[in-house]
């Protein structure tokens, strides 16, 4: 839990922030106005603190910064799971303390006498932890997904017609050859090297 001094320091540091500067950063920041859907009144029971839930919610939203409704739902799921896991730990402690003081027995006997109760509680804990990790995995997948690249029309390829009977037509002279005045000999299928006289045929 943050101390009052840390909270005050965080507030002072936040005043120095200039916010995102790139267009992509500004667009993402504009979507950060999503608010949690958690209703504190419906989640808090006797012995629990609204301030603790508000602090937990702020920590998760500050860390994960959901930018879409789907991400917000997953962050709310993480908060809900952790809140219930805290409650289950308190229930475990209360069950142990009650049996211990009422019956004046050892801790081992407490577990033996209330094995079914603790087993049911552990199943709730295990289920909530699985739910938490599933939501966390899906949230990380959504936030790490790269945007799909824009589709560009494929460039048509020009296919050269196949030669019949194995005959390959001579390659026409290039524009640079025509400009230089070099002659093209279709019989030798080669271009003379400038400065060299062709051998007599």
N, C-alpha and C. Protein backbone atom coordinates (compact mmCIF):
# COMPACT_ATOMS: atom_id res chain seq x y z
N UNK A 1 0.85 -1.19 0.00
CA UNK A 1 0.00 0.00 0.00
C UNK A 1 0.89 1.25 0.00
N UNK A 2 0.58 2.19 -0.85
CA UNK A 2 1.39 3.41 -0.95
C UNK A 2 1.20 4.29 0.27
N UNK A 3 2.30 4.91 0.71
CA UNK A 3 2.24 5.82 1.85
C UNK A 3 1.76 7.20 1.39
N UNK A 4 1.29 8.03 2.30
CA UNK A 4 0.88 9.39 1.90
C UNK A 4 2.01 10.16 1.22
N UNK A 5 3.25 9.94 1.66
CA UNK A 5 4.38 10.64 1.04
C UNK A 5 4.58 10.18 -0.41
N UNK A 6 4.42 8.88 -0.66
CA UNK A 6 4.55 8.37 -2.03
C UNK A 6 3.43 8.89 -2.92
N UNK A 7 2.24 8.94 -2.39
CA UNK A 7 1.11 9.45 -3.18
C UNK A 7 1.34 10.91 -3.54
N UNK A 8 1.83 11.70 -2.58
CA UNK A 8 2.10 13.11 -2.85
C UNK A 8 3.20 13.25 -3.90
N UNK A 9 4.23 12.41 -3.82
CA UNK A 9 5.32 12.46 -4.81
C UNK A 9 4.81 12.08 -6.19
N UNK A 10 3.93 11.09 -6.27
CA UNK A 10 3.36 10.69 -7.56
C UNK A 10 2.54 11.83 -8.17
N UNK A 11 1.81 12.53 -7.34
CA UNK A 11 1.01 13.65 -7.85
C UNK A 11 1.90 14.77 -8.38
N UNK A 12 3.01 15.03 -7.67
CA UNK A 12 3.94 16.07 -8.15
C UNK A 12 4.58 15.66 -9.46
N UNK A 13 4.95 14.40 -9.57
CA UNK A 13 5.58 13.92 -10.81
C UNK A 13 4.61 13.96 -11.98
N UNK A 14 3.33 13.68 -11.69
CA UNK A 14 2.35 13.67 -12.78
C UNK A 14 2.16 15.05 -13.38
N UNK A 15 2.43 16.11 -12.60
CA UNK A 15 2.30 17.47 -13.12
C UNK A 15 3.37 17.79 -14.16
N UNK A 16 4.47 17.03 -14.14
CA UNK A 16 5.56 17.28 -15.09
C UNK A 16 5.35 16.58 -16.42
N UNK A 17 4.37 15.71 -16.49
CA UNK A 17 4.14 14.95 -17.71
C UNK A 17 3.55 15.85 -18.79
N UNK A 18 4.08 15.72 -20.00
CA UNK A 18 3.56 16.49 -21.13
C UNK A 18 2.61 15.67 -21.99
N UNK A 19 2.46 14.41 -21.65
CA UNK A 19 1.55 13.57 -22.41
C UNK A 19 2.18 13.05 -23.68
N UNK A 20 1.46 12.21 -24.42
CA UNK A 20 2.00 11.64 -25.65
C UNK A 20 2.19 12.71 -26.72
N UNK A 21 3.20 12.51 -27.57
CA UNK A 21 3.49 13.49 -28.62
C UNK A 21 3.21 12.95 -30.02
N UNK A 22 3.39 11.64 -30.22
CA UNK A 22 3.14 11.07 -31.55
C UNK A 22 1.64 10.93 -31.77
N UNK A 23 1.25 10.83 -33.04
CA UNK A 23 -0.16 10.69 -33.37
C UNK A 23 -0.72 9.39 -32.83
N UNK A 24 0.09 8.30 -32.93
CA UNK A 24 -0.36 7.02 -32.42
C UNK A 24 -0.54 7.07 -30.90
N UNK A 25 0.41 7.74 -30.23
CA UNK A 25 0.31 7.87 -28.78
C UNK A 25 -0.89 8.69 -28.35
N UNK A 26 -1.17 9.75 -29.09
CA UNK A 26 -2.33 10.58 -28.76
C UNK A 26 -3.64 9.82 -28.98
N UNK A 27 -3.66 9.01 -30.06
CA UNK A 27 -4.88 8.25 -30.33
C UNK A 27 -5.13 7.22 -29.23
N UNK A 28 -4.06 6.56 -28.78
CA UNK A 28 -4.23 5.57 -27.70
C UNK A 28 -4.61 6.25 -26.39
N UNK A 29 -4.01 7.40 -26.15
CA UNK A 29 -4.31 8.11 -24.91
C UNK A 29 -5.77 8.57 -24.89
N UNK A 30 -6.29 8.91 -26.05
CA UNK A 30 -7.68 9.37 -26.12
C UNK A 30 -8.65 8.26 -25.74
N UNK A 31 -8.22 7.00 -25.93
CA UNK A 31 -9.09 5.88 -25.59
C UNK A 31 -8.95 5.46 -24.13
N UNK A 32 -8.04 6.10 -23.40
CA UNK A 32 -7.81 5.72 -22.02
C UNK A 32 -8.87 6.26 -21.06
N UNK A 33 -9.89 6.90 -21.60
CA UNK A 33 -10.94 7.43 -20.74
C UNK A 33 -11.93 6.36 -20.33
N UNK A 34 -11.68 5.10 -20.71
CA UNK A 34 -12.58 4.02 -20.31
C UNK A 34 -12.59 3.89 -18.79
N UNK A 35 -13.76 3.78 -18.23
CA UNK A 35 -13.90 3.68 -16.79
C UNK A 35 -14.23 2.25 -16.40
N UNK A 36 -13.85 1.87 -15.20
CA UNK A 36 -14.14 0.52 -14.73
C UNK A 36 -15.64 0.31 -14.59
N UNK A 37 -16.05 -0.91 -14.82
CA UNK A 37 -17.46 -1.25 -14.65
C UNK A 37 -17.75 -1.84 -13.28
N UNK A 38 -16.72 -1.87 -12.41
CA UNK A 38 -16.90 -2.46 -11.09
C UNK A 38 -17.73 -1.52 -10.21
N UNK A 39 -18.74 -2.07 -9.59
CA UNK A 39 -19.59 -1.30 -8.68
C UNK A 39 -19.22 -1.68 -7.26
N UNK A 40 -18.62 -0.74 -6.54
CA UNK A 40 -18.08 -1.04 -5.20
C UNK A 40 -19.18 -1.50 -4.24
N UNK A 41 -20.35 -0.91 -4.34
CA UNK A 41 -21.42 -1.24 -3.39
C UNK A 41 -21.82 -2.70 -3.48
N UNK A 42 -21.76 -3.27 -4.68
CA UNK A 42 -22.17 -4.66 -4.86
C UNK A 42 -21.06 -5.65 -4.55
N UNK A 43 -19.82 -5.18 -4.35
CA UNK A 43 -18.70 -6.08 -4.14
C UNK A 43 -18.20 -6.10 -2.70
N UNK A 44 -18.60 -5.13 -1.92
CA UNK A 44 -18.05 -5.01 -0.57
C UNK A 44 -19.03 -5.59 0.45
N UNK A 45 -18.51 -6.43 1.32
CA UNK A 45 -19.32 -6.98 2.40
C UNK A 45 -18.76 -6.47 3.73
N UNK A 46 -19.43 -6.82 4.80
CA UNK A 46 -19.02 -6.35 6.12
C UNK A 46 -17.57 -6.79 6.42
N UNK A 47 -16.78 -5.86 6.88
CA UNK A 47 -15.38 -6.16 7.18
C UNK A 47 -14.44 -5.79 6.05
N UNK A 48 -14.99 -5.41 4.88
CA UNK A 48 -14.15 -5.01 3.74
C UNK A 48 -14.22 -3.50 3.57
N UNK A 49 -13.20 -2.95 2.92
CA UNK A 49 -13.08 -1.50 2.80
C UNK A 49 -13.24 -1.06 1.35
N UNK A 50 -14.08 -0.05 1.14
CA UNK A 50 -14.23 0.52 -0.20
C UNK A 50 -12.93 1.16 -0.66
N UNK A 51 -12.20 1.77 0.25
CA UNK A 51 -10.93 2.39 -0.12
C UNK A 51 -9.94 1.36 -0.64
N UNK A 52 -9.93 0.17 -0.03
CA UNK A 52 -9.03 -0.89 -0.50
C UNK A 52 -9.40 -1.32 -1.92
N UNK A 53 -10.70 -1.44 -2.20
CA UNK A 53 -11.13 -1.81 -3.55
C UNK A 53 -10.80 -0.72 -4.55
N UNK A 54 -11.03 0.55 -4.16
CA UNK A 54 -10.70 1.66 -5.06
C UNK A 54 -9.20 1.69 -5.36
N UNK A 55 -8.39 1.43 -4.36
CA UNK A 55 -6.93 1.44 -4.57
C UNK A 55 -6.52 0.29 -5.48
N UNK A 56 -7.11 -0.89 -5.26
CA UNK A 56 -6.80 -2.05 -6.11
C UNK A 56 -7.19 -1.77 -7.56
N UNK A 57 -8.37 -1.18 -7.76
CA UNK A 57 -8.84 -0.86 -9.10
C UNK A 57 -7.91 0.14 -9.78
N UNK A 58 -7.50 1.17 -9.04
CA UNK A 58 -6.59 2.17 -9.61
C UNK A 58 -5.25 1.55 -10.00
N UNK A 59 -4.74 0.63 -9.19
CA UNK A 59 -3.47 -0.01 -9.50
C UNK A 59 -3.55 -0.80 -10.80
N UNK A 60 -4.62 -1.57 -10.98
CA UNK A 60 -4.76 -2.37 -12.19
C UNK A 60 -4.95 -1.49 -13.42
N UNK A 61 -5.76 -0.44 -13.31
CA UNK A 61 -5.98 0.42 -14.47
C UNK A 61 -4.73 1.22 -14.81
N UNK A 62 -3.95 1.59 -13.80
CA UNK A 62 -2.71 2.31 -14.07
C UNK A 62 -1.69 1.41 -14.75
N UNK A 63 -1.66 0.14 -14.36
CA UNK A 63 -0.66 -0.79 -14.91
C UNK A 63 -1.02 -1.26 -16.31
N UNK A 64 -2.28 -1.65 -16.53
CA UNK A 64 -2.66 -2.26 -17.82
C UNK A 64 -3.23 -1.26 -18.81
N UNK A 65 -3.76 -0.15 -18.36
CA UNK A 65 -4.27 0.91 -19.24
C UNK A 65 -5.14 0.34 -20.38
N UNK A 66 -6.29 -0.22 -20.08
CA UNK A 66 -7.14 -0.80 -21.13
C UNK A 66 -7.57 0.27 -22.12
N UNK A 67 -7.52 -0.08 -23.41
CA UNK A 67 -7.83 0.89 -24.46
C UNK A 67 -9.10 0.53 -25.23
N UNK A 68 -9.69 -0.62 -24.96
CA UNK A 68 -10.92 -1.05 -25.64
C UNK A 68 -11.88 -1.61 -24.60
N UNK A 69 -13.16 -1.71 -24.93
CA UNK A 69 -14.10 -2.31 -23.98
C UNK A 69 -13.73 -3.74 -23.61
N UNK A 70 -13.19 -4.51 -24.56
CA UNK A 70 -12.80 -5.89 -24.26
C UNK A 70 -11.66 -5.91 -23.25
N UNK A 71 -10.68 -5.03 -23.42
CA UNK A 71 -9.58 -4.96 -22.47
C UNK A 71 -10.08 -4.51 -21.09
N UNK A 72 -11.01 -3.57 -21.08
CA UNK A 72 -11.57 -3.10 -19.81
C UNK A 72 -12.26 -4.24 -19.07
N UNK A 73 -13.03 -5.06 -19.80
CA UNK A 73 -13.73 -6.18 -19.17
C UNK A 73 -12.73 -7.15 -18.56
N UNK A 74 -11.60 -7.39 -19.25
CA UNK A 74 -10.60 -8.32 -18.74
C UNK A 74 -9.89 -7.76 -17.50
N UNK A 75 -9.62 -6.45 -17.51
CA UNK A 75 -9.00 -5.84 -16.34
C UNK A 75 -9.97 -5.90 -15.15
N UNK A 76 -11.24 -5.64 -15.39
CA UNK A 76 -12.23 -5.75 -14.31
C UNK A 76 -12.30 -7.18 -13.77
N UNK A 77 -12.13 -8.16 -14.66
CA UNK A 77 -12.13 -9.56 -14.23
C UNK A 77 -10.95 -9.84 -13.31
N UNK A 78 -9.78 -9.29 -13.66
CA UNK A 78 -8.61 -9.46 -12.80
C UNK A 78 -8.84 -8.88 -11.41
N UNK A 79 -9.43 -7.69 -11.39
CA UNK A 79 -9.71 -7.03 -10.10
C UNK A 79 -10.69 -7.87 -9.28
N UNK A 80 -11.74 -8.33 -9.93
CA UNK A 80 -12.76 -9.13 -9.25
C UNK A 80 -12.15 -10.41 -8.67
N UNK A 81 -11.29 -11.07 -9.46
CA UNK A 81 -10.67 -12.31 -8.99
C UNK A 81 -9.76 -12.05 -7.79
N UNK A 82 -8.94 -11.01 -7.88
CA UNK A 82 -8.05 -10.74 -6.75
C UNK A 82 -8.83 -10.36 -5.50
N UNK A 83 -9.92 -9.61 -5.69
CA UNK A 83 -10.72 -9.21 -4.54
C UNK A 83 -11.31 -10.44 -3.85
N UNK A 84 -11.78 -11.40 -4.66
CA UNK A 84 -12.35 -12.61 -4.07
C UNK A 84 -11.26 -13.49 -3.44
N UNK A 85 -10.08 -13.52 -4.03
CA UNK A 85 -9.00 -14.30 -3.43
C UNK A 85 -8.61 -13.74 -2.06
N UNK A 86 -8.64 -12.41 -1.94
CA UNK A 86 -8.40 -11.80 -0.62
C UNK A 86 -9.47 -12.23 0.36
N UNK A 87 -10.72 -12.27 -0.10
CA UNK A 87 -11.83 -12.66 0.78
C UNK A 87 -11.69 -14.13 1.20
N UNK A 88 -11.30 -14.98 0.24
CA UNK A 88 -11.16 -16.41 0.55
C UNK A 88 -10.05 -16.64 1.59
N UNK A 89 -8.99 -15.85 1.52
CA UNK A 89 -7.93 -15.99 2.52
C UNK A 89 -8.45 -15.60 3.91
N UNK A 90 -9.27 -14.55 3.94
CA UNK A 90 -9.86 -14.15 5.23
C UNK A 90 -10.80 -15.23 5.75
N UNK A 91 -11.57 -15.86 4.85
CA UNK A 91 -12.48 -16.92 5.26
C UNK A 91 -11.71 -18.09 5.84
N UNK A 92 -10.61 -18.45 5.20
CA UNK A 92 -9.78 -19.55 5.69
C UNK A 92 -9.29 -19.27 7.11
N UNK A 93 -8.86 -18.04 7.33
CA UNK A 93 -8.37 -17.66 8.67
C UNK A 93 -9.51 -17.72 9.69
N UNK A 94 -10.68 -17.20 9.31
CA UNK A 94 -11.81 -17.17 10.24
C UNK A 94 -12.29 -18.58 10.59
N UNK A 95 -12.32 -19.48 9.59
CA UNK A 95 -12.75 -20.86 9.86
C UNK A 95 -11.79 -21.53 10.84
N UNK A 96 -10.51 -21.33 10.61
CA UNK A 96 -9.50 -21.95 11.48
C UNK A 96 -9.59 -21.40 12.91
N UNK A 97 -9.68 -20.09 13.01
CA UNK A 97 -9.73 -19.46 14.34
C UNK A 97 -10.97 -19.91 15.11
N UNK A 98 -12.11 -19.97 14.42
CA UNK A 98 -13.35 -20.33 15.13
C UNK A 98 -13.29 -21.75 15.67
N UNK A 99 -12.87 -22.68 14.79
CA UNK A 99 -12.81 -24.08 15.23
C UNK A 99 -11.76 -24.26 16.33
N UNK A 100 -10.70 -23.54 16.24
CA UNK A 100 -9.60 -23.67 17.21
C UNK A 100 -10.04 -23.22 18.60
N UNK A 101 -10.72 -22.09 18.66
CA UNK A 101 -11.10 -21.54 19.97
C UNK A 101 -12.33 -22.22 20.54
N UNK A 102 -13.26 -22.62 19.69
CA UNK A 102 -14.48 -23.23 20.20
C UNK A 102 -14.21 -24.61 20.77
N UNK A 103 -13.43 -25.40 20.04
CA UNK A 103 -13.23 -26.79 20.46
C UNK A 103 -11.92 -27.00 21.22
N UNK A 104 -11.05 -25.97 21.27
CA UNK A 104 -9.80 -26.06 22.02
C UNK A 104 -9.00 -27.30 21.60
N UNK A 105 -8.74 -27.41 20.29
CA UNK A 105 -8.00 -28.54 19.75
C UNK A 105 -6.80 -28.04 18.97
N UNK A 106 -5.95 -28.95 18.53
CA UNK A 106 -4.76 -28.57 17.78
C UNK A 106 -5.14 -28.16 16.37
N UNK A 107 -4.19 -27.53 15.68
CA UNK A 107 -4.44 -27.09 14.30
C UNK A 107 -4.68 -28.28 13.38
N UNK A 108 -3.96 -29.36 13.62
CA UNK A 108 -4.18 -30.57 12.82
C UNK A 108 -5.58 -31.11 13.01
N UNK A 109 -6.07 -31.08 14.25
CA UNK A 109 -7.43 -31.55 14.51
C UNK A 109 -8.47 -30.63 13.89
N UNK A 110 -8.16 -29.32 13.86
CA UNK A 110 -9.06 -28.37 13.21
C UNK A 110 -9.25 -28.75 11.76
N UNK A 111 -8.14 -29.04 11.07
CA UNK A 111 -8.23 -29.40 9.66
C UNK A 111 -8.97 -30.73 9.48
N UNK A 112 -8.68 -31.68 10.36
CA UNK A 112 -9.32 -33.00 10.24
C UNK A 112 -10.83 -32.90 10.44
N UNK A 113 -11.24 -32.13 11.42
CA UNK A 113 -12.65 -32.02 11.72
C UNK A 113 -13.42 -31.18 10.69
N UNK A 114 -12.72 -30.33 9.96
CA UNK A 114 -13.39 -29.43 8.99
C UNK A 114 -12.84 -29.65 7.57
N UNK A 115 -12.40 -30.86 7.29
CA UNK A 115 -11.75 -31.14 6.01
C UNK A 115 -12.66 -30.82 4.82
N UNK A 116 -13.93 -31.16 4.90
CA UNK A 116 -14.85 -30.91 3.78
C UNK A 116 -15.03 -29.42 3.54
N UNK A 117 -15.10 -28.66 4.60
CA UNK A 117 -15.28 -27.21 4.47
C UNK A 117 -14.06 -26.59 3.80
N UNK A 118 -12.88 -26.98 4.27
CA UNK A 118 -11.65 -26.43 3.67
C UNK A 118 -11.49 -26.88 2.22
N UNK A 119 -11.92 -28.10 1.90
CA UNK A 119 -11.82 -28.60 0.53
C UNK A 119 -12.72 -27.79 -0.40
N UNK A 120 -13.93 -27.47 0.05
CA UNK A 120 -14.83 -26.64 -0.76
C UNK A 120 -14.24 -25.25 -0.97
N UNK A 121 -13.66 -24.70 0.08
CA UNK A 121 -13.05 -23.38 -0.04
C UNK A 121 -11.87 -23.42 -1.01
N UNK A 122 -11.06 -24.48 -0.94
CA UNK A 122 -9.91 -24.59 -1.84
C UNK A 122 -10.35 -24.71 -3.29
N UNK A 123 -11.46 -25.39 -3.54
CA UNK A 123 -11.98 -25.47 -4.92
C UNK A 123 -12.38 -24.09 -5.44
N UNK A 124 -12.97 -23.28 -4.57
CA UNK A 124 -13.30 -21.91 -4.98
C UNK A 124 -12.03 -21.11 -5.28
N UNK A 125 -11.01 -21.29 -4.46
CA UNK A 125 -9.75 -20.58 -4.68
C UNK A 125 -9.12 -21.01 -6.00
N UNK A 126 -9.07 -22.32 -6.24
CA UNK A 126 -8.46 -22.84 -7.47
C UNK A 126 -9.20 -22.33 -8.71
N UNK A 127 -10.53 -22.35 -8.65
CA UNK A 127 -11.34 -21.88 -9.78
C UNK A 127 -11.10 -20.40 -10.04
N UNK A 128 -11.03 -19.61 -8.99
CA UNK A 128 -10.82 -18.17 -9.15
C UNK A 128 -9.43 -17.88 -9.71
N UNK A 129 -8.43 -18.63 -9.27
CA UNK A 129 -7.08 -18.44 -9.79
C UNK A 129 -7.00 -18.80 -11.27
N UNK A 130 -7.67 -19.87 -11.68
CA UNK A 130 -7.70 -20.22 -13.11
C UNK A 130 -8.38 -19.12 -13.92
N UNK A 131 -9.47 -18.62 -13.39
CA UNK A 131 -10.19 -17.54 -14.07
C UNK A 131 -9.30 -16.31 -14.22
N UNK A 132 -8.54 -16.01 -13.17
CA UNK A 132 -7.62 -14.87 -13.19
C UNK A 132 -6.57 -15.04 -14.29
N UNK A 133 -5.92 -16.20 -14.31
CA UNK A 133 -4.84 -16.41 -15.28
C UNK A 133 -5.36 -16.48 -16.71
N UNK A 134 -6.56 -17.01 -16.91
CA UNK A 134 -7.15 -17.00 -18.26
C UNK A 134 -7.39 -15.56 -18.74
N UNK A 135 -7.93 -14.73 -17.84
CA UNK A 135 -8.18 -13.33 -18.21
C UNK A 135 -6.87 -12.60 -18.46
N UNK A 136 -5.86 -12.87 -17.65
CA UNK A 136 -4.56 -12.21 -17.82
C UNK A 136 -3.92 -12.61 -19.14
N UNK A 137 -4.01 -13.89 -19.49
CA UNK A 137 -3.44 -14.36 -20.75
C UNK A 137 -4.15 -13.72 -21.95
N UNK A 138 -5.47 -13.63 -21.90
CA UNK A 138 -6.21 -13.03 -23.00
C UNK A 138 -5.93 -11.53 -23.10
N UNK A 139 -5.80 -10.86 -21.94
CA UNK A 139 -5.49 -9.42 -21.96
C UNK A 139 -4.12 -9.18 -22.59
N UNK A 140 -3.13 -9.98 -22.23
CA UNK A 140 -1.80 -9.83 -22.82
C UNK A 140 -1.82 -10.10 -24.31
N UNK A 141 -2.65 -11.07 -24.73
CA UNK A 141 -2.74 -11.37 -26.17
C UNK A 141 -3.33 -10.18 -26.93
N UNK A 142 -4.38 -9.58 -26.37
CA UNK A 142 -5.00 -8.44 -27.04
C UNK A 142 -4.05 -7.25 -27.11
N UNK A 143 -3.32 -7.00 -26.02
CA UNK A 143 -2.47 -5.81 -25.97
C UNK A 143 -1.17 -5.99 -26.76
N UNK A 144 -0.78 -7.23 -27.03
CA UNK A 144 0.45 -7.45 -27.79
C UNK A 144 0.18 -7.71 -29.27
N UNK A 145 -1.10 -7.82 -29.65
CA UNK A 145 -1.42 -8.10 -31.05
C UNK A 145 -1.02 -6.91 -31.92
N UNK A 146 -0.27 -7.21 -32.99
CA UNK A 146 0.14 -6.17 -33.92
C UNK A 146 -1.00 -5.87 -34.88
N UNK A 147 -1.19 -4.61 -35.27
CA UNK A 147 -2.22 -4.30 -36.27
C UNK A 147 -1.89 -4.95 -37.59
N UNK A 148 -2.91 -5.43 -38.28
CA UNK A 148 -2.70 -6.09 -39.55
C UNK A 148 -2.22 -5.08 -40.59
N UNK A 149 -1.20 -5.46 -41.41
CA UNK A 149 -0.72 -4.53 -42.43
C UNK A 149 -1.78 -4.31 -43.50
N UNK A 150 -1.83 -3.11 -44.09
CA UNK A 150 -2.83 -2.85 -45.13
C UNK A 150 -2.58 -3.73 -46.34
N UNK A 151 -3.67 -4.20 -46.91
CA UNK A 151 -3.54 -5.08 -48.08
C UNK A 151 -3.30 -4.23 -49.32
N UNK A 152 -2.32 -4.62 -50.14
CA UNK A 152 -2.00 -3.92 -51.39
C UNK A 152 -2.30 -4.85 -52.55
N UNK A 153 -2.82 -4.31 -53.64
CA UNK A 153 -3.11 -5.17 -54.79
C UNK A 153 -1.84 -5.80 -55.32
N UNK A 154 -1.94 -7.06 -55.68
CA UNK A 154 -0.79 -7.78 -56.19
C UNK A 154 -0.40 -7.24 -57.56
N UNK A 155 0.92 -7.13 -57.80
CA UNK A 155 1.42 -6.66 -59.09
C UNK A 155 1.33 -7.80 -60.09
N UNK A 156 0.64 -7.58 -61.22
CA UNK A 156 0.53 -8.67 -62.20
C UNK A 156 1.89 -8.97 -62.82
N UNK A 157 2.16 -10.24 -62.96
CA UNK A 157 3.43 -10.66 -63.57
C UNK A 157 3.20 -10.98 -65.04
N UNK A 158 4.11 -10.50 -65.89
CA UNK A 158 4.03 -10.74 -67.33
C UNK A 158 4.79 -12.01 -67.63
N UNK A 159 4.11 -12.99 -68.20
CA UNK A 159 4.74 -14.24 -68.53
C UNK A 159 5.20 -14.23 -69.99
N UNK A 160 6.43 -14.64 -70.20
CA UNK A 160 6.98 -14.72 -71.55
C UNK A 160 6.47 -15.99 -72.21
N UNK A 161 5.94 -15.89 -73.41
CA UNK A 161 5.43 -17.11 -74.08
C UNK A 161 6.57 -18.10 -74.31
N UNK A 162 6.27 -19.36 -74.09
CA UNK A 162 7.27 -20.40 -74.28
C UNK A 162 7.58 -20.58 -75.77
N UNK A 163 8.86 -20.82 -76.03
CA UNK A 163 9.28 -21.03 -77.43
C UNK A 163 8.85 -22.40 -77.91
N UNK A 164 8.47 -22.47 -79.17
CA UNK A 164 8.08 -23.74 -79.76
C UNK A 164 9.29 -24.41 -80.39
N UNK A 165 9.32 -25.74 -80.33
CA UNK A 165 10.38 -26.57 -80.94
C UNK A 165 11.76 -26.19 -80.44
N UNK A 166 11.87 -25.64 -79.24
CA UNK A 166 13.17 -25.35 -78.66
C UNK A 166 13.85 -24.12 -79.22
N UNK A 167 13.20 -23.39 -80.15
CA UNK A 167 13.81 -22.20 -80.73
C UNK A 167 13.65 -21.01 -79.81
N UNK A 168 14.74 -20.34 -79.50
CA UNK A 168 14.72 -19.16 -78.66
C UNK A 168 15.00 -17.95 -79.52
N UNK A 169 14.06 -17.01 -79.64
CA UNK A 169 14.29 -15.84 -80.49
C UNK A 169 15.39 -14.97 -79.91
N UNK A 170 16.13 -14.27 -80.77
CA UNK A 170 17.22 -13.41 -80.28
C UNK A 170 16.67 -12.25 -79.45
N UNK A 171 17.45 -11.82 -78.51
CA UNK A 171 17.08 -10.70 -77.66
C UNK A 171 17.28 -9.41 -78.42
N UNK A 172 16.26 -8.54 -78.49
CA UNK A 172 16.43 -7.28 -79.22
C UNK A 172 17.44 -6.39 -78.52
N UNK A 173 18.08 -5.52 -79.27
CA UNK A 173 19.09 -4.65 -78.65
C UNK A 173 18.46 -3.72 -77.63
N UNK A 174 19.23 -3.46 -76.60
CA UNK A 174 18.77 -2.54 -75.56
C UNK A 174 18.87 -1.11 -76.06
N UNK A 175 18.14 -0.23 -75.38
CA UNK A 175 18.14 1.17 -75.80
C UNK A 175 19.53 1.77 -75.71
N UNK A 176 20.33 1.33 -74.72
CA UNK A 176 21.67 1.88 -74.58
C UNK A 176 22.56 1.46 -75.73
N UNK A 177 22.32 0.26 -76.27
CA UNK A 177 23.12 -0.20 -77.40
C UNK A 177 22.78 0.59 -78.66
N UNK A 178 21.50 0.88 -78.84
CA UNK A 178 21.11 1.65 -80.01
C UNK A 178 21.71 3.05 -79.96
N UNK A 179 21.74 3.61 -78.76
CA UNK A 179 22.28 4.96 -78.64
C UNK A 179 23.78 4.98 -78.90
N UNK A 180 24.47 3.91 -78.52
CA UNK A 180 25.93 3.88 -78.71
C UNK A 180 26.32 3.49 -80.12
N UNK A 181 25.37 3.05 -80.92
CA UNK A 181 25.67 2.68 -82.30
C UNK A 181 26.21 1.27 -82.44
N UNK A 182 26.21 0.48 -81.35
CA UNK A 182 26.72 -0.89 -81.45
C UNK A 182 25.77 -1.72 -82.28
N UNK A 183 26.34 -2.57 -83.13
CA UNK A 183 25.52 -3.41 -84.00
C UNK A 183 25.23 -4.73 -83.33
N UNK A 184 24.06 -5.24 -83.62
CA UNK A 184 23.64 -6.51 -83.04
C UNK A 184 23.65 -7.55 -84.13
N UNK A 185 24.36 -8.64 -83.89
CA UNK A 185 24.48 -9.72 -84.87
C UNK A 185 23.54 -10.84 -84.47
N UNK A 186 22.41 -11.04 -85.18
CA UNK A 186 21.46 -12.07 -84.80
C UNK A 186 22.00 -13.47 -84.97
N UNK A 187 23.05 -13.64 -85.80
CA UNK A 187 23.57 -14.99 -86.01
C UNK A 187 24.40 -15.46 -84.83
N UNK A 188 25.15 -14.56 -84.29
CA UNK A 188 25.99 -14.95 -83.14
C UNK A 188 25.28 -14.74 -81.81
N UNK A 189 24.13 -14.06 -81.86
CA UNK A 189 23.37 -13.75 -80.67
C UNK A 189 24.24 -13.08 -79.62
N UNK A 190 25.09 -12.22 -80.07
CA UNK A 190 25.95 -11.50 -79.14
C UNK A 190 26.16 -10.09 -79.66
N UNK A 191 26.59 -9.23 -78.81
CA UNK A 191 26.86 -7.87 -79.18
C UNK A 191 28.37 -7.67 -79.21
N UNK A 192 28.89 -6.99 -80.24
CA UNK A 192 30.34 -6.79 -80.29
C UNK A 192 30.79 -5.84 -79.19
N UNK A 193 31.94 -6.13 -78.66
CA UNK A 193 32.53 -5.27 -77.65
C UNK A 193 33.10 -4.04 -78.33
N UNK A 194 32.79 -2.84 -77.90
CA UNK A 194 33.32 -1.63 -78.55
C UNK A 194 34.85 -1.67 -78.58
N UNK A 195 35.41 -1.33 -79.76
CA UNK A 195 36.86 -1.32 -79.92
C UNK A 195 37.43 -2.61 -80.44
N UNK A 196 36.59 -3.63 -80.53
CA UNK A 196 37.06 -4.94 -81.02
C UNK A 196 36.36 -5.22 -82.35
N UNK A 197 37.09 -5.62 -83.34
CA UNK A 197 36.49 -5.93 -84.64
C UNK A 197 36.02 -7.37 -84.62
N UNK A 198 34.86 -7.66 -85.15
CA UNK A 198 34.36 -9.03 -85.17
C UNK A 198 35.24 -9.91 -86.05
N UNK A 199 35.36 -11.17 -85.62
CA UNK A 199 36.15 -12.11 -86.41
C UNK A 199 35.42 -12.40 -87.73
N UNK A 200 36.20 -12.56 -88.82
CA UNK A 200 35.54 -12.87 -90.13
C UNK A 200 34.88 -14.24 -90.09
N UNK A 201 33.72 -14.30 -90.72
CA UNK A 201 32.98 -15.57 -90.77
C UNK A 201 33.36 -16.32 -92.04
